[in-house]
Amino acid sequence: MIPMNPTTLLVNIIGWIGAVTLLAAYVLVSTRKVAGNSVAYQLMNLGGSIFLIINTLHFGAYPSVAVNVVWVCIAIIILIRR
């Protein structure tokens, strides 16, 4: 097994936290535990996407970076409107 440097390990942990956060937000809105325009949902989208941006930039996955930048922009716009 190839040893992982501390930066890569941290970026992987950040990525997994982001993925879990976005999936949790989707489950909560899909089960109607939170509203799609709620602050909680938008903050989960914002935080999860920022973490995934960090991860995908590190690994050069630029299509995923683009999707998450748009996701962050949507969350910010909804939060500002609220």
PDB file of N, CA and C in Angstrom:
ATOM      1  N   MET A   1       0.842  -1.174   0.000  1.00  0.00           N
ATOM      2  CA  MET A   1       0.000   0.000   0.000  1.00  0.00           C
ATOM      3  C   MET A   1       0.890   1.241   0.000  1.00  0.00           C
ATOM      4  N   ILE A   2       0.541   2.222  -0.815  1.00  0.00           N
ATOM      5  CA  ILE A   2       1.309   3.465  -0.900  1.00  0.00           C
ATOM      6  C   ILE A   2       0.900   4.381   0.255  1.00  0.00           C
ATOM      7  N   PRO A   3       1.881   4.864   1.030  1.00  0.00           N
ATOM      8  CA  PRO A   3       1.534   5.769   2.133  1.00  0.00           C
ATOM      9  C   PRO A   3       0.965   7.085   1.593  1.00  0.00           C
ATOM     10  N   MET A   4      -0.011   7.614   2.318  1.00  0.00           N
ATOM     11  CA  MET A   4      -0.656   8.862   1.935  1.00  0.00           C
ATOM     12  C   MET A   4      -0.040   9.999   2.732  1.00  0.00           C
ATOM     13  N   ASN A   5       0.288  11.108   2.040  1.00  0.00           N
ATOM     14  CA  ASN A   5       0.854  12.233   2.779  1.00  0.00           C
ATOM     15  C   ASN A   5      -0.263  12.908   3.578  1.00  0.00           C
ATOM     16  N   PRO A   6       0.085  13.645   4.635  1.00  0.00           N
ATOM     17  CA  PRO A   6      -0.914  14.254   5.513  1.00  0.00           C
ATOM     18  C   PRO A   6      -1.883  15.200   4.785  1.00  0.00           C
ATOM     19  N   THR A   7      -1.402  15.934   3.790  1.00  0.00           N
ATOM     20  CA  THR A   7      -2.276  16.855   3.058  1.00  0.00           C
ATOM     21  C   THR A   7      -3.340  16.090   2.286  1.00  0.00           C
ATOM     22  N   THR A   8      -2.937  15.042   1.603  1.00  0.00           N
ATOM     23  CA  THR A   8      -3.887  14.242   0.842  1.00  0.00           C
ATOM     24  C   THR A   8      -4.906  13.587   1.767  1.00  0.00           C
ATOM     25  N   LEU A   9      -4.460  13.109   2.915  1.00  0.00           N
ATOM     26  CA  LEU A   9      -5.374  12.521   3.891  1.00  0.00           C
ATOM     27  C   LEU A   9      -6.401  13.546   4.345  1.00  0.00           C
ATOM     28  N   LEU A  10      -5.934  14.746   4.680  1.00  0.00           N
ATOM     29  CA  LEU A  10      -6.846  15.805   5.120  1.00  0.00           C
ATOM     30  C   LEU A  10      -7.840  16.165   4.021  1.00  0.00           C
ATOM     31  N   VAL A  11      -7.371  16.290   2.797  1.00  0.00           N
ATOM     32  CA  VAL A  11      -8.250  16.629   1.664  1.00  0.00           C
ATOM     33  C   VAL A  11      -9.271  15.519   1.439  1.00  0.00           C
ATOM     34  N   ASN A  12      -8.881  14.268   1.607  1.00  0.00           N
ATOM     35  CA  ASN A  12      -9.828  13.163   1.486  1.00  0.00           C
ATOM     36  C   ASN A  12     -10.888  13.210   2.582  1.00  0.00           C
ATOM     37  N   ILE A  13     -10.476  13.493   3.798  1.00  0.00           N
ATOM     38  CA  ILE A  13     -11.436  13.601   4.911  1.00  0.00           C
ATOM     39  C   ILE A  13     -12.410  14.745   4.644  1.00  0.00           C
ATOM     40  N   ILE A  14     -11.897  15.887   4.212  1.00  0.00           N
ATOM     41  CA  ILE A  14     -12.745  17.034   3.887  1.00  0.00           C
ATOM     42  C   ILE A  14     -13.747  16.653   2.784  1.00  0.00           C
ATOM     43  N   GLY A  15     -13.272  15.944   1.769  1.00  0.00           N
ATOM     44  CA  GLY A  15     -14.157  15.520   0.688  1.00  0.00           C
ATOM     45  C   GLY A  15     -15.267  14.607   1.163  1.00  0.00           C
ATOM     46  N   TRP A  16     -14.925  13.657   2.011  1.00  0.00           N
ATOM     47  CA  TRP A  16     -15.945  12.753   2.529  1.00  0.00           C
ATOM     48  C   TRP A  16     -16.952  13.478   3.413  1.00  0.00           C
ATOM     49  N   ILE A  17     -16.492  14.416   4.211  1.00  0.00           N
ATOM     50  CA  ILE A  17     -17.423  15.207   5.036  1.00  0.00           C
ATOM     51  C   ILE A  17     -18.366  15.989   4.125  1.00  0.00           C
ATOM     52  N   GLY A  18     -17.834  16.578   3.068  1.00  0.00           N
ATOM     53  CA  GLY A  18     -18.666  17.308   2.120  1.00  0.00           C
ATOM     54  C   GLY A  18     -19.696  16.423   1.465  1.00  0.00           C
ATOM     55  N   ALA A  19     -19.283  15.235   1.025  1.00  0.00           N
ATOM     56  CA  ALA A  19     -20.205  14.304   0.374  1.00  0.00           C
ATOM     57  C   ALA A  19     -21.311  13.865   1.325  1.00  0.00           C
ATOM     58  N   VAL A  20     -20.951  13.515   2.547  1.00  0.00           N
ATOM     59  CA  VAL A  20     -21.945  13.084   3.535  1.00  0.00           C
ATOM     60  C   VAL A  20     -22.910  14.231   3.854  1.00  0.00           C
ATOM     61  N   THR A  21     -22.388  15.442   3.958  1.00  0.00           N
ATOM     62  CA  THR A  21     -23.232  16.600   4.255  1.00  0.00           C
ATOM     63  C   THR A  21     -24.243  16.841   3.138  1.00  0.00           C
ATOM     64  N   LEU A  22     -23.804  16.793   1.886  1.00  0.00           N
ATOM     65  CA  LEU A  22     -24.731  16.984   0.762  1.00  0.00           C
ATOM     66  C   LEU A  22     -25.760  15.865   0.700  1.00  0.00           C
ATOM     67  N   LEU A  23     -25.338  14.634   0.932  1.00  0.00           N
ATOM     68  CA  LEU A  23     -26.290  13.523   0.916  1.00  0.00           C
ATOM     69  C   LEU A  23     -27.288  13.627   2.064  1.00  0.00           C
ATOM     70  N   ALA A  24     -26.822  14.041   3.227  1.00  0.00           N
ATOM     71  CA  ALA A  24     -27.728  14.220   4.370  1.00  0.00           C
ATOM     72  C   ALA A  24     -28.751  15.314   4.069  1.00  0.00           C
ATOM     73  N   ALA A  25     -28.312  16.400   3.454  1.00  0.00           N
ATOM     74  CA  ALA A  25     -29.235  17.474   3.087  1.00  0.00           C
ATOM     75  C   ALA A  25     -30.290  16.959   2.114  1.00  0.00           C
ATOM     76  N   TYR A  26     -29.868  16.168   1.150  1.00  0.00           N
ATOM     77  CA  TYR A  26     -30.802  15.618   0.164  1.00  0.00           C
ATOM     78  C   TYR A  26     -31.812  14.681   0.836  1.00  0.00           C
ATOM     79  N   VAL A  27     -31.356  13.841   1.756  1.00  0.00           N
ATOM     80  CA  VAL A  27     -32.268  12.953   2.486  1.00  0.00           C
ATOM     81  C   VAL A  27     -33.261  13.774   3.302  1.00  0.00           C
ATOM     82  N   LEU A  28     -32.785  14.805   3.976  1.00  0.00           N
ATOM     83  CA  LEU A  28     -33.666  15.631   4.812  1.00  0.00           C
ATOM     84  C   LEU A  28     -34.731  16.349   3.988  1.00  0.00           C
ATOM     85  N   VAL A  29     -34.360  16.871   2.845  1.00  0.00           N
ATOM     86  CA  VAL A  29     -35.348  17.567   2.018  1.00  0.00           C
ATOM     87  C   VAL A  29     -36.280  16.564   1.336  1.00  0.00           C
ATOM     88  N   SER A  30     -35.767  15.412   0.966  1.00  0.00           N
ATOM     89  CA  SER A  30     -36.590  14.393   0.306  1.00  0.00           C
ATOM     90  C   SER A  30     -37.603  13.756   1.250  1.00  0.00           C
ATOM     91  N   THR A  31     -37.257  13.682   2.522  1.00  0.00           N
ATOM     92  CA  THR A  31     -38.177  13.120   3.520  1.00  0.00           C
ATOM     93  C   THR A  31     -38.995  14.208   4.205  1.00  0.00           C
ATOM     94  N   ARG A  32     -38.885  15.423   3.702  1.00  0.00           N
ATOM     95  CA  ARG A  32     -39.633  16.583   4.206  1.00  0.00           C
ATOM     96  C   ARG A  32     -39.348  16.901   5.673  1.00  0.00           C
ATOM     97  N   LYS A  33     -38.119  16.599   6.094  1.00  0.00           N
ATOM     98  CA  LYS A  33     -37.689  16.978   7.450  1.00  0.00           C
ATOM     99  C   LYS A  33     -37.272  18.441   7.478  1.00  0.00           C
ATOM    100  N   VAL A  34     -36.789  18.937   6.345  1.00  0.00           N
ATOM    101  CA  VAL A  34     -36.470  20.363   6.189  1.00  0.00           C
ATOM    102  C   VAL A  34     -37.011  20.815   4.832  1.00  0.00           C
ATOM    103  N   ALA A  35     -37.302  22.097   4.721  1.00  0.00           N
ATOM    104  CA  ALA A  35     -37.781  22.660   3.457  1.00  0.00           C
ATOM    105  C   ALA A  35     -36.592  22.972   2.550  1.00  0.00           C
ATOM    106  N   GLY A  36     -36.823  22.892   1.252  1.00  0.00           N
ATOM    107  CA  GLY A  36     -35.774  23.154   0.282  1.00  0.00           C
ATOM    108  C   GLY A  36     -35.227  24.560   0.321  1.00  0.00           C
ATOM    109  N   ASN A  37     -36.010  25.494   0.826  1.00  0.00           N
ATOM    110  CA  ASN A  37     -35.535  26.873   0.907  1.00  0.00           C
ATOM    111  C   ASN A  37     -35.167  27.271   2.339  1.00  0.00           C
ATOM    112  N   SER A  38     -35.037  26.289   3.228  1.00  0.00           N
ATOM    113  CA  SER A  38     -34.698  26.596   4.622  1.00  0.00           C
ATOM    114  C   SER A  38     -33.224  26.954   4.758  1.00  0.00           C
ATOM    115  N   VAL A  39     -32.934  27.705   5.791  1.00  0.00           N
ATOM    116  CA  VAL A  39     -31.542  28.093   6.069  1.00  0.00           C
ATOM    117  C   VAL A  39     -30.700  26.849   6.345  1.00  0.00           C
ATOM    118  N   ALA A  40     -31.234  25.909   7.102  1.00  0.00           N
ATOM    119  CA  ALA A  40     -30.480  24.697   7.434  1.00  0.00           C
ATOM    120  C   ALA A  40     -30.078  23.938   6.171  1.00  0.00           C
ATOM    121  N   TYR A  41     -31.018  23.754   5.264  1.00  0.00           N
ATOM    122  CA  TYR A  41     -30.737  23.031   4.026  1.00  0.00           C
ATOM    123  C   TYR A  41     -29.700  23.770   3.191  1.00  0.00           C
ATOM    124  N   GLN A  42     -29.866  25.074   3.058  1.00  0.00           N
ATOM    125  CA  GLN A  42     -28.930  25.849   2.240  1.00  0.00           C
ATOM    126  C   GLN A  42     -27.538  25.887   2.856  1.00  0.00           C
ATOM    127  N   LEU A  43     -27.454  25.956   4.180  1.00  0.00           N
ATOM    128  CA  LEU A  43     -26.134  25.929   4.834  1.00  0.00           C
ATOM    129  C   LEU A  43     -25.451  24.574   4.653  1.00  0.00           C
ATOM    130  N   MET A  44     -26.242  23.497   4.680  1.00  0.00           N
ATOM    131  CA  MET A  44     -25.668  22.175   4.432  1.00  0.00           C
ATOM    132  C   MET A  44     -25.153  22.090   2.991  1.00  0.00           C
ATOM    133  N   ASN A  45     -25.921  22.617   2.039  1.00  0.00           N
ATOM    134  CA  ASN A  45     -25.478  22.643   0.643  1.00  0.00           C
ATOM    135  C   ASN A  45     -24.207  23.479   0.492  1.00  0.00           C
ATOM    136  N   LEU A  46     -24.201  24.632   1.114  1.00  0.00           N
ATOM    137  CA  LEU A  46     -23.052  25.533   1.030  1.00  0.00           C
ATOM    138  C   LEU A  46     -21.801  24.877   1.599  1.00  0.00           C
ATOM    139  N   GLY A  47     -21.895  24.383   2.819  1.00  0.00           N
ATOM    140  CA  GLY A  47     -20.734  23.762   3.467  1.00  0.00           C
ATOM    141  C   GLY A  47     -20.263  22.509   2.758  1.00  0.00           C
ATOM    142  N   GLY A  48     -21.201  21.650   2.399  1.00  0.00           N
ATOM    143  CA  GLY A  48     -20.834  20.417   1.705  1.00  0.00           C
ATOM    144  C   GLY A  48     -20.156  20.690   0.381  1.00  0.00           C
ATOM    145  N   SER A  49     -20.679  21.653  -0.351  1.00  0.00           N
ATOM    146  CA  SER A  49     -20.102  21.984  -1.659  1.00  0.00           C
ATOM    147  C   SER A  49     -18.727  22.624  -1.524  1.00  0.00           C
ATOM    148  N   ILE A  50     -18.551  23.480  -0.537  1.00  0.00           N
ATOM    149  CA  ILE A  50     -17.228  24.086  -0.322  1.00  0.00           C
ATOM    150  C   ILE A  50     -16.201  22.991  -0.018  1.00  0.00           C
ATOM    151  N   PHE A  51     -16.577  22.044   0.823  1.00  0.00           N
ATOM    152  CA  PHE A  51     -15.650  20.949   1.143  1.00  0.00           C
ATOM    153  C   PHE A  51     -15.340  20.125  -0.098  1.00  0.00           C
ATOM    154  N   LEU A  52     -16.352  19.869  -0.935  1.00  0.00           N
ATOM    155  CA  LEU A  52     -16.094  19.106  -2.159  1.00  0.00           C
ATOM    156  C   LEU A  52     -15.253  19.902  -3.154  1.00  0.00           C
ATOM    157  N   ILE A  53     -15.411  21.216  -3.180  1.00  0.00           N
ATOM    158  CA  ILE A  53     -14.568  22.047  -4.054  1.00  0.00           C
ATOM    159  C   ILE A  53     -13.103  21.906  -3.645  1.00  0.00           C
ATOM    160  N   ILE A  54     -12.844  21.951  -2.352  1.00  0.00           N
ATOM    161  CA  ILE A  54     -11.472  21.793  -1.858  1.00  0.00           C
ATOM    162  C   ILE A  54     -10.909  20.447  -2.330  1.00  0.00           C
ATOM    163  N   ASN A  55     -11.704  19.405  -2.155  1.00  0.00           N
ATOM    164  CA  ASN A  55     -11.266  18.069  -2.532  1.00  0.00           C
ATOM    165  C   ASN A  55     -11.047  17.944  -4.032  1.00  0.00           C
ATOM    166  N   THR A  56     -11.998  18.401  -4.826  1.00  0.00           N
ATOM    167  CA  THR A  56     -11.894  18.207  -6.273  1.00  0.00           C
ATOM    168  C   THR A  56     -10.824  19.096  -6.903  1.00  0.00           C
ATOM    169  N   LEU A  57     -10.603  20.280  -6.357  1.00  0.00           N
ATOM    170  CA  LEU A  57      -9.500  21.103  -6.848  1.00  0.00           C
ATOM    171  C   LEU A  57      -8.164  20.416  -6.601  1.00  0.00           C
ATOM    172  N   HIS A  58      -8.023  19.854  -5.411  1.00  0.00           N
ATOM    173  CA  HIS A  58      -6.775  19.173  -5.061  1.00  0.00           C
ATOM    174  C   HIS A  58      -6.461  18.036  -6.038  1.00  0.00           C
ATOM    175  N   PHE A  59      -7.496  17.306  -6.431  1.00  0.00           N
ATOM    176  CA  PHE A  59      -7.297  16.151  -7.308  1.00  0.00           C
ATOM    177  C   PHE A  59      -7.503  16.470  -8.788  1.00  0.00           C
ATOM    178  N   GLY A  60      -7.773  17.740  -9.110  1.00  0.00           N
ATOM    179  CA  GLY A  60      -7.898  18.152 -10.508  1.00  0.00           C
ATOM    180  C   GLY A  60      -9.163  17.683 -11.199  1.00  0.00           C
ATOM    181  N   ALA A  61     -10.226  17.473 -10.443  1.00  0.00           N
ATOM    182  CA  ALA A  61     -11.504  17.041 -11.012  1.00  0.00           C
ATOM    183  C   ALA A  61     -12.348  18.280 -11.322  1.00  0.00           C
ATOM    184  N   TYR A  62     -11.983  18.964 -12.385  1.00  0.00           N
ATOM    185  CA  TYR A  62     -12.557  20.277 -12.669  1.00  0.00           C
ATOM    186  C   TYR A  62     -14.042  20.277 -13.018  1.00  0.00           C
ATOM    187  N   PRO A  63     -14.607  19.260 -13.663  1.00  0.00           N
ATOM    188  CA  PRO A  63     -16.060  19.264 -13.858  1.00  0.00           C
ATOM    189  C   PRO A  63     -16.818  19.261 -12.529  1.00  0.00           C
ATOM    190  N   SER A  64     -16.310  18.520 -11.566  1.00  0.00           N
ATOM    191  CA  SER A  64     -16.929  18.501 -10.244  1.00  0.00           C
ATOM    192  C   SER A  64     -16.764  19.841  -9.545  1.00  0.00           C
ATOM    193  N   VAL A  65     -15.624  20.492  -9.739  1.00  0.00           N
ATOM    194  CA  VAL A  65     -15.422  21.834  -9.183  1.00  0.00           C
ATOM    195  C   VAL A  65     -16.496  22.769  -9.734  1.00  0.00           C
ATOM    196  N   ALA A  66     -16.728  22.715 -11.036  1.00  0.00           N
ATOM    197  CA  ALA A  66     -17.714  23.603 -11.667  1.00  0.00           C
ATOM    198  C   ALA A  66     -19.106  23.378 -11.096  1.00  0.00           C
ATOM    199  N   VAL A  67     -19.501  22.126 -10.968  1.00  0.00           N
ATOM    200  CA  VAL A  67     -20.829  21.816 -10.408  1.00  0.00           C
ATOM    201  C   VAL A  67     -20.951  22.363  -8.991  1.00  0.00           C
ATOM    202  N   ASN A  68     -19.923  22.181  -8.185  1.00  0.00           N
ATOM    203  CA  ASN A  68     -19.988  22.622  -6.800  1.00  0.00           C
ATOM    204  C   ASN A  68     -19.913  24.132  -6.661  1.00  0.00           C
ATOM    205  N   VAL A  69     -19.227  24.811  -7.558  1.00  0.00           N
ATOM    206  CA  VAL A  69     -19.230  26.280  -7.536  1.00  0.00           C
ATOM    207  C   VAL A  69     -20.645  26.783  -7.807  1.00  0.00           C
ATOM    208  N   VAL A  70     -21.328  26.187  -8.771  1.00  0.00           N
ATOM    209  CA  VAL A  70     -22.719  26.573  -9.056  1.00  0.00           C
ATOM    210  C   VAL A  70     -23.595  26.269  -7.843  1.00  0.00           C
ATOM    211  N   TRP A  71     -23.388  25.121  -7.222  1.00  0.00           N
ATOM    212  CA  TRP A  71     -24.157  24.726  -6.040  1.00  0.00           C
ATOM    213  C   TRP A  71     -23.969  25.748  -4.916  1.00  0.00           C
ATOM    214  N   VAL A  72     -22.734  26.203  -4.713  1.00  0.00           N
ATOM    215  CA  VAL A  72     -22.440  27.222  -3.700  1.00  0.00           C
ATOM    216  C   VAL A  72     -23.152  28.523  -4.044  1.00  0.00           C
ATOM    217  N   CYS A  73     -23.112  28.927  -5.298  1.00  0.00           N
ATOM    218  CA  CYS A  73     -23.768  30.172  -5.719  1.00  0.00           C
ATOM    219  C   CYS A  73     -25.266  30.119  -5.469  1.00  0.00           C
ATOM    220  N   ILE A  74     -25.892  28.989  -5.784  1.00  0.00           N
ATOM    221  CA  ILE A  74     -27.334  28.830  -5.537  1.00  0.00           C
ATOM    222  C   ILE A  74     -27.620  28.961  -4.052  1.00  0.00           C
ATOM    223  N   ALA A  75     -26.850  28.289  -3.223  1.00  0.00           N
ATOM    224  CA  ALA A  75     -27.070  28.354  -1.775  1.00  0.00           C
ATOM    225  C   ALA A  75     -26.912  29.769  -1.255  1.00  0.00           C
ATOM    226  N   ILE A  76     -25.901  30.482  -1.716  1.00  0.00           N
ATOM    227  CA  ILE A  76     -25.675  31.866  -1.270  1.00  0.00           C
ATOM    228  C   ILE A  76     -26.833  32.758  -1.692  1.00  0.00           C
ATOM    229  N   ILE A  77     -27.282  32.617  -2.931  1.00  0.00           N
ATOM    230  CA  ILE A  77     -28.408  33.436  -3.421  1.00  0.00           C
ATOM    231  C   ILE A  77     -29.660  33.177  -2.586  1.00  0.00           C
ATOM    232  N   ILE A  78     -29.976  31.921  -2.323  1.00  0.00           N
ATOM    233  CA  ILE A  78     -31.160  31.592  -1.522  1.00  0.00           C
ATOM    234  C   ILE A  78     -31.010  32.139  -0.107  1.00  0.00           C
ATOM    235  N   LEU A  79     -29.830  32.014   0.489  1.00  0.00           N
ATOM    236  CA  LEU A  79     -29.623  32.532   1.848  1.00  0.00           C
ATOM    237  C   LEU A  79     -29.762  34.055   1.886  1.00  0.00           C
ATOM    238  N   ILE A  80     -29.255  34.739   0.892  1.00  0.00           N
ATOM    239  CA  ILE A  80     -29.378  36.203   0.845  1.00  0.00           C
ATOM    240  C   ILE A  80     -30.831  36.607   0.730  1.00  0.00           C
ATOM    241  N   ARG A  81     -31.583  35.898  -0.103  1.00  0.00           N
ATOM    242  CA  ARG A  81     -33.012  36.215  -0.279  1.00  0.00           C
ATOM    243  C   ARG A  81     -33.824  35.980   0.990  1.00  0.00           C
ATOM    244  N   ARG A  82     -33.374  35.077   1.832  1.00  0.00           N
ATOM    245  CA  ARG A  82     -34.108  34.785   3.068  1.00  0.00           C
ATOM    246  C   ARG A  82     -33.794  35.854   4.080  1.00  0.00           C
TER     247      ARG A  82
END
